[in-house]
Amino acid sequence: MAGLEAQVAAVCQNIDSLLQQLQHEGILDEQFQQLMQLQDDTNPDFVAEVVQLYFEDSVQKIDRMGAMLSAQTPDFKELDQLVHQFKGSSASLGAATIAQLCIRMREGCQTLDQQLCVALLGQLRDSYWQLKSKLDTFMALEQQRKQLLAAMGR
């Protein structure tokens, strides 16, 4: 049992270190920590479910933005609404960098600056894939922690 407890402690330390690094780099903000506090024994997969839904929804939104911006004359009003939705879901997750890029992209929509929006979409894609990679690591560590706790009978 002591070996398992040490493994759980090590995994928890890895999770904490990863989240601190992501906050330090500005990729995540304190909102993600607040989501983690909502997870408990009655809803042990809450954060994983929120993250998974965010990933599924985000890919669709990013692809849709790309399709809209590839048009000769994009519908900036519709694009602005889509970017606004993406900003909201990103801010709710704590994806600070992505939310900030969305704010800038909305400004591009309001000034009808297609070139700026295309450039920002590229940055959004890059930031999204960076976040996804880091949160995939987080999810794997979280799964490992749960398996160890289950092995300990908790």
Protein backbone atom coordinates (compact mmCIF):
# COMPACT_ATOMS: atom_id res chain seq x y z
CA MET A 1 0.00 0.00 0.00
CA ALA A 2 2.81 2.43 0.84
CA GLY A 3 4.23 1.98 -2.66
CA LEU A 4 0.88 2.87 -4.21
CA GLU A 5 0.53 5.91 -1.95
CA ALA A 6 3.96 7.11 -3.08
CA GLN A 7 2.93 6.61 -6.71
CA VAL A 8 -0.29 8.58 -6.16
CA ALA A 9 1.69 11.37 -4.51
CA ALA A 10 4.14 11.43 -7.43
CA VAL A 11 1.33 11.59 -10.01
CA CYS A 12 -0.40 14.37 -8.06
CA GLN A 13 2.90 16.27 -7.97
CA ASN A 14 3.24 15.85 -11.75
CA ILE A 15 -0.30 17.17 -12.24
CA ASP A 16 0.37 20.18 -10.00
CA SER A 17 3.67 20.91 -11.77
CA LEU A 18 2.05 20.71 -15.19
CA LEU A 19 -0.80 23.03 -14.20
CA GLN A 20 1.62 25.50 -12.60
CA GLN A 21 3.71 25.49 -15.78
CA LEU A 22 0.62 26.11 -17.94
CA GLN A 23 -0.47 28.97 -15.70
CA HIS A 24 3.03 30.44 -15.68
CA GLU A 25 3.15 30.29 -19.49
CA GLY A 26 -0.28 31.98 -19.69
CA ILE A 27 -1.82 29.00 -21.50
CA LEU A 28 -4.30 28.42 -18.67
CA ASP A 29 -5.57 30.79 -16.02
CA GLU A 30 -7.13 30.33 -12.58
CA GLN A 31 -10.47 29.38 -14.16
CA PHE A 32 -9.12 25.88 -14.83
CA GLN A 33 -8.23 25.50 -11.14
CA GLN A 34 -11.81 26.51 -10.28
CA LEU A 35 -13.12 23.79 -12.61
CA MET A 36 -10.91 21.27 -10.81
CA GLN A 37 -12.42 22.31 -7.48
CA LEU A 38 -15.87 21.40 -8.85
CA GLN A 39 -14.73 17.81 -9.32
CA ASP A 40 -15.45 15.52 -6.37
CA ASP A 41 -16.42 11.96 -5.53
CA THR A 42 -19.95 12.48 -6.86
CA ASN A 43 -18.58 13.68 -10.22
CA PRO A 44 -15.03 12.30 -10.50
CA ASP A 45 -14.76 12.79 -14.28
CA PHE A 46 -16.07 16.35 -14.38
CA VAL A 47 -12.87 18.03 -15.63
CA ALA A 48 -12.14 15.28 -18.18
CA GLU A 49 -15.67 15.61 -19.56
CA VAL A 50 -15.45 19.41 -19.79
CA VAL A 51 -12.05 19.19 -21.51
CA GLN A 52 -13.28 16.55 -23.96
CA LEU A 53 -16.37 18.58 -24.88
CA TYR A 54 -14.21 21.67 -25.35
CA PHE A 55 -11.86 19.80 -27.70
CA GLU A 56 -14.71 18.40 -29.81
CA ASP A 57 -16.46 21.76 -30.03
CA SER A 58 -13.25 23.71 -30.71
CA VAL A 59 -12.14 21.68 -33.72
CA GLN A 60 -15.51 22.28 -35.36
CA LYS A 61 -15.39 26.01 -34.62
CA ILE A 62 -11.82 26.42 -35.88
CA ASP A 63 -12.61 24.50 -39.08
CA ARG A 64 -15.73 26.60 -39.62
CA MET A 65 -13.74 29.82 -39.14
CA GLY A 66 -11.22 28.64 -41.72
CA ALA A 67 -14.00 27.86 -44.20
CA MET A 68 -15.58 31.26 -43.62
CA LEU A 69 -12.29 33.12 -44.06
CA SER A 70 -11.49 31.27 -47.29
CA ALA A 71 -14.54 32.88 -48.93
CA GLN A 72 -13.93 35.78 -51.32
CA THR A 73 -15.90 38.09 -49.03
CA PRO A 74 -16.42 36.55 -45.60
CA ASP A 75 -19.57 37.20 -43.58
CA PHE A 76 -17.77 39.02 -40.78
CA LYS A 77 -20.92 39.31 -38.68
CA GLU A 78 -21.39 35.53 -38.65
CA LEU A 79 -17.65 35.00 -38.12
CA ASP A 80 -17.69 37.45 -35.20
CA GLN A 81 -20.53 35.47 -33.57
CA LEU A 82 -18.59 32.22 -33.98
CA VAL A 83 -15.40 33.75 -32.56
CA HIS A 84 -17.44 35.17 -29.66
CA GLN A 85 -18.75 31.66 -28.86
CA PHE A 86 -15.23 30.24 -29.04
CA LYS A 87 -13.94 32.99 -26.76
CA GLY A 88 -16.64 32.17 -24.23
CA SER A 89 -15.97 28.44 -24.16
CA SER A 90 -12.20 29.06 -24.02
CA ALA A 91 -12.56 31.53 -21.14
CA SER A 92 -14.85 29.09 -19.30
CA LEU A 93 -12.18 26.41 -19.56
CA GLY A 94 -9.41 28.81 -18.55
CA ALA A 95 -7.69 28.76 -21.97
CA ALA A 96 -6.34 32.30 -21.51
CA THR A 97 -4.17 32.54 -24.64
CA ILE A 98 -6.97 31.37 -26.91
CA ALA A 99 -9.49 33.73 -25.30
CA GLN A 100 -7.11 36.67 -25.86
CA LEU A 101 -6.60 35.70 -29.50
CA CYS A 102 -10.37 35.56 -29.93
CA ILE A 103 -10.69 39.11 -28.58
CA ARG A 104 -8.17 40.30 -31.17
CA MET A 105 -9.91 38.32 -33.92
CA ARG A 106 -13.25 39.90 -33.02
CA GLU A 107 -11.61 43.29 -33.49
CA GLY A 108 -10.50 42.11 -36.94
CA CYS A 109 -14.07 41.05 -37.71
CA GLN A 110 -15.40 44.44 -36.67
CA THR A 111 -12.91 46.24 -38.95
CA LEU A 112 -13.53 43.69 -41.76
CA ASP A 113 -9.80 42.89 -41.83
CA GLN A 114 -9.68 39.49 -43.52
CA GLN A 115 -5.87 39.38 -43.59
CA LEU A 116 -5.66 39.99 -39.82
CA CYS A 117 -8.36 37.40 -39.14
CA VAL A 118 -6.55 34.78 -41.25
CA ALA A 119 -3.28 35.48 -39.39
CA LEU A 120 -5.02 35.26 -36.02
CA LEU A 121 -6.77 32.04 -37.03
CA GLY A 122 -3.33 30.53 -37.65
CA GLN A 123 -2.28 31.58 -34.15
CA LEU A 124 -5.54 30.22 -32.74
CA ARG A 125 -4.90 26.86 -34.39
CA ASP A 126 -1.35 26.73 -33.03
CA SER A 127 -2.48 27.70 -29.53
CA TYR A 128 -5.31 25.18 -29.65
CA TRP A 129 -3.00 22.28 -30.60
CA GLN A 130 -0.49 23.34 -27.93
CA LEU A 131 -3.26 23.42 -25.31
CA LYS A 132 -4.65 20.08 -26.51
CA SER A 133 -1.22 18.45 -26.25
CA LYS A 134 -0.71 19.74 -22.70
CA LEU A 135 -4.23 18.82 -21.57
CA ASP A 136 -3.89 15.37 -23.12
CA THR A 137 -0.90 14.92 -20.79
CA PHE A 138 -3.00 16.23 -17.90
CA MET A 139 -5.83 13.79 -18.75
CA ALA A 140 -3.40 10.85 -18.92
CA LEU A 141 -1.97 11.78 -15.50
CA GLU A 142 -5.47 12.19 -14.09
CA GLN A 143 -6.41 8.73 -15.43
CA GLN A 144 -3.27 7.25 -13.90
CA ARG A 145 -4.13 8.87 -10.53
CA LYS A 146 -7.65 7.40 -10.62
CA GLN A 147 -6.34 3.92 -11.48
CA LEU A 148 -3.88 4.03 -8.60
CA LEU A 149 -6.60 5.17 -6.19
CA ALA A 150 -8.86 2.38 -7.43
CA ALA A 151 -6.06 -0.14 -6.85
CA MET A 152 -5.84 1.17 -3.29
CA GLY A 153 -9.58 0.65 -2.86
CA ARG A 154 -10.44 4.37 -2.78
